[in-house]
Amino acid sequence: MKVLSAGLAVLVLFSVLDARVTKGRSSMLDIAPRFSFSTDFDETQFSFGGDLIFNPFKRIGMRVTFAELSFNGGTVFDMNYGLLSVWPKIDALIYMPARQIQPYIHTGIGLVTGDATFLIFGGGIGADYYVSKKMAFSFEPGLYFSHVSNGISDSNFWLRLSAGMKFSVLP
């Protein structure tokens, strides 16, 4: 009878304990593969990419895209390029205090000069849902302004929706 009572007590104890991850982002370096949908409501682009996220402080991170495969009337593969496959871009991430779901604000800028000048800046919000201390699912909407100047100027606002995963590399 004592063994049955002890087993029942352990079962009740484990069933009432909170099994959620009690801490959000805690790694110094993350790898984040993602799928993105971008549109300026005239043109649409789909892309698969990967980001490196460096978190030097508890509530601030920096993100750079290291590779992207874009589909927009053709297929383009870029290394170290960001949104719309022609502009390298770096983002600042500002994390909000949370536990299992980690909300954040992202903002960034990119600039390329040469035969033409490409400028992009913008930002948005995002959230990471941690399933363990080493892995999270992420969703991120954002609004970007792009400007191209190569004799004639062209400016657009882009809506970008991204979903993916984050994997901790360095604790």
Protein backbone atom coordinates (compact mmCIF):
# COMPACT_ATOMS: atom_id res chain seq x y z
CA MET A 1 0.00 0.00 0.00
CA LYS A 2 2.89 2.38 0.79
CA VAL A 3 4.43 1.76 -2.65
CA LEU A 4 1.10 2.49 -4.35
CA SER A 5 0.65 5.68 -2.29
CA ALA A 6 4.21 6.83 -3.07
CA GLY A 7 3.75 6.08 -6.78
CA LEU A 8 0.44 7.97 -6.82
CA ALA A 9 2.06 10.93 -5.00
CA VAL A 10 4.89 11.06 -7.57
CA LEU A 11 2.37 10.90 -10.45
CA VAL A 12 0.34 13.77 -8.95
CA LEU A 13 3.51 15.80 -8.34
CA PHE A 14 4.70 15.45 -11.95
CA SER A 15 1.23 16.22 -13.35
CA VAL A 16 0.91 19.54 -11.49
CA LEU A 17 4.46 20.81 -12.11
CA ASP A 18 4.92 23.35 -14.89
CA ALA A 19 7.02 21.68 -17.60
CA ARG A 20 7.45 24.82 -19.75
CA VAL A 21 10.80 26.35 -20.51
CA THR A 22 11.26 28.99 -17.83
CA LYS A 23 13.83 31.03 -19.66
CA GLY A 24 13.75 32.46 -23.18
CA ARG A 25 16.74 33.39 -25.34
CA SER A 26 19.99 32.66 -23.56
CA SER A 27 22.55 31.82 -26.26
CA MET A 28 25.40 33.95 -27.57
CA LEU A 29 25.07 32.74 -31.19
CA ASP A 30 22.01 31.38 -33.04
CA ILE A 31 21.54 29.96 -36.53
CA ALA A 32 18.09 30.71 -37.94
CA PRO A 33 16.81 29.12 -41.17
CA ARG A 34 13.63 30.79 -42.43
CA PHE A 35 11.05 31.07 -45.21
CA SER A 36 9.98 34.57 -46.27
CA PHE A 37 7.19 36.09 -48.34
CA SER A 38 7.76 39.67 -49.54
CA THR A 39 5.44 41.90 -51.54
CA ASP A 40 5.09 45.52 -52.59
CA PHE A 41 1.55 44.62 -53.82
CA ASP A 42 2.75 44.76 -57.45
CA GLU A 43 5.47 42.13 -57.21
CA THR A 44 5.86 39.11 -54.94
CA GLN A 45 8.96 37.19 -53.86
CA PHE A 46 9.43 33.97 -51.93
CA SER A 47 12.76 33.06 -50.38
CA PHE A 48 14.53 30.53 -48.20
CA GLY A 49 17.37 31.94 -46.16
CA GLY A 50 19.56 31.61 -43.14
CA ASP A 51 20.57 34.17 -40.55
CA LEU A 52 23.31 34.40 -37.95
CA ILE A 53 22.16 36.08 -34.74
CA PHE A 54 24.76 37.36 -32.29
CA ASN A 55 23.41 38.21 -28.82
CA PRO A 56 26.14 40.14 -26.95
CA PHE A 57 23.73 41.45 -24.29
CA LYS A 58 20.72 39.98 -22.52
CA ARG A 59 18.14 42.15 -24.32
CA ILE A 60 19.96 43.19 -27.54
CA GLY A 61 21.01 41.10 -30.55
CA MET A 62 22.44 41.67 -34.04
CA ARG A 63 21.35 39.68 -37.09
CA VAL A 64 22.90 39.27 -40.53
CA THR A 65 21.65 37.11 -43.41
CA PHE A 66 24.39 34.72 -44.55
CA ALA A 67 22.54 33.06 -47.48
CA GLU A 68 19.26 33.41 -49.35
CA LEU A 69 17.61 31.56 -52.22
CA SER A 70 14.96 33.80 -53.85
CA PHE A 71 12.17 32.99 -56.30
CA ASN A 72 10.76 35.93 -58.27
CA GLY A 73 10.31 35.10 -61.95
CA GLY A 74 13.65 33.29 -61.68
CA THR A 75 15.86 31.76 -59.02
CA VAL A 76 18.67 33.75 -57.40
CA PHE A 77 21.13 32.53 -54.76
CA ASP A 78 23.01 35.12 -52.71
CA MET A 79 25.59 34.87 -49.96
CA ASN A 80 25.57 37.54 -47.21
CA TYR A 81 22.62 39.37 -48.76
CA GLY A 82 19.32 40.35 -47.26
CA LEU A 83 15.85 41.35 -48.33
CA LEU A 84 15.05 41.17 -52.05
CA SER A 85 18.40 39.51 -52.82
CA VAL A 86 20.35 42.64 -53.79
CA TRP A 87 21.01 44.46 -50.52
CA PRO A 88 23.17 43.29 -47.63
CA LYS A 89 21.34 44.19 -44.45
CA ILE A 90 22.05 44.10 -40.72
CA ASP A 91 19.32 44.17 -38.08
CA ALA A 92 19.24 45.10 -34.42
CA LEU A 93 16.97 42.94 -32.27
CA ILE A 94 15.55 44.33 -29.02
CA TYR A 95 14.12 41.54 -26.86
CA MET A 96 11.19 42.12 -24.49
CA PRO A 97 11.11 40.36 -21.10
CA ALA A 98 9.23 37.05 -21.39
CA ARG A 99 9.44 33.33 -20.69
CA GLN A 100 8.44 30.74 -23.28
CA ILE A 101 7.37 33.20 -26.00
CA GLN A 102 10.10 35.81 -26.57
CA PRO A 103 8.74 38.94 -28.36
CA TYR A 104 11.19 41.36 -29.94
CA ILE A 105 11.43 44.48 -32.09
CA HIS A 106 13.70 44.40 -35.13
CA THR A 107 15.05 47.27 -37.18
CA GLY A 108 17.76 47.37 -39.79
CA ILE A 109 19.46 49.10 -42.67
CA GLY A 110 21.36 48.06 -45.78
CA LEU A 111 23.35 50.07 -48.34
CA VAL A 112 25.21 49.15 -51.54
CA THR A 113 26.94 51.69 -53.80
CA GLY A 114 28.51 51.20 -57.22
CA ASP A 115 26.90 51.62 -60.63
CA ALA A 116 23.69 52.19 -58.70
CA THR A 117 22.86 52.98 -55.09
CA PHE A 118 20.60 50.58 -53.22
CA LEU A 119 19.21 51.62 -49.81
CA ILE A 120 16.82 49.69 -47.60
CA PHE A 121 15.65 50.28 -44.05
CA GLY A 122 12.73 49.22 -41.94
CA GLY A 123 11.67 46.96 -39.15
CA GLY A 124 8.81 45.32 -37.35
CA ILE A 125 8.03 42.92 -34.56
CA GLY A 126 8.69 39.23 -34.04
CA ALA A 127 8.23 36.39 -31.61
CA ASP A 128 10.19 33.24 -30.82
CA TYR A 129 8.36 30.28 -29.29
CA TYR A 130 10.89 28.21 -27.34
CA VAL A 131 10.23 24.47 -27.34
CA SER A 132 13.54 23.87 -25.53
CA LYS A 133 16.50 25.99 -24.43
CA LYS A 134 18.25 25.17 -27.71
CA MET A 135 15.40 25.52 -30.26
CA ALA A 136 12.61 27.97 -31.05
CA PHE A 137 10.04 28.58 -33.77
CA SER A 138 9.90 32.17 -34.98
CA PHE A 139 7.45 34.42 -36.81
CA GLU A 140 8.29 37.94 -37.95
CA PRO A 141 6.29 40.52 -39.92
CA GLY A 142 8.06 43.68 -41.06
CA LEU A 143 7.69 46.75 -43.25
CA TYR A 144 10.66 47.97 -45.32
CA PHE A 145 11.38 50.99 -47.48
CA SER A 146 13.67 50.41 -50.47
CA HIS A 147 15.20 53.00 -52.78
CA VAL A 148 17.20 52.36 -55.96
CA SER A 149 19.03 55.18 -57.72
CA ASN A 150 20.71 54.39 -61.06
CA GLY A 151 20.00 57.45 -63.19
CA ILE A 152 16.30 57.11 -62.39
CA SER A 153 14.94 56.65 -58.89
CA ASP A 154 12.57 53.95 -57.77
CA SER A 155 11.18 53.65 -54.24
CA ASN A 156 8.90 50.99 -52.78
CA PHE A 157 7.41 49.87 -49.49
CA TRP A 158 7.67 46.12 -48.92
CA LEU A 159 5.70 43.92 -46.54
CA ARG A 160 7.69 40.89 -45.42
CA LEU A 161 6.42 37.88 -43.46
CA SER A 162 9.01 35.38 -42.26
CA ALA A 163 8.70 32.09 -40.38
CA GLY A 164 11.44 29.74 -39.32
CA MET A 165 13.41 28.18 -36.52
CA LYS A 166 16.32 29.23 -34.29
CA PHE A 167 19.01 26.88 -33.04
CA SER A 168 21.45 27.82 -30.30
CA VAL A 169 25.09 27.26 -31.27
CA LEU A 170 27.01 28.89 -28.42
CA PRO A 171 25.51 28.99 -24.91
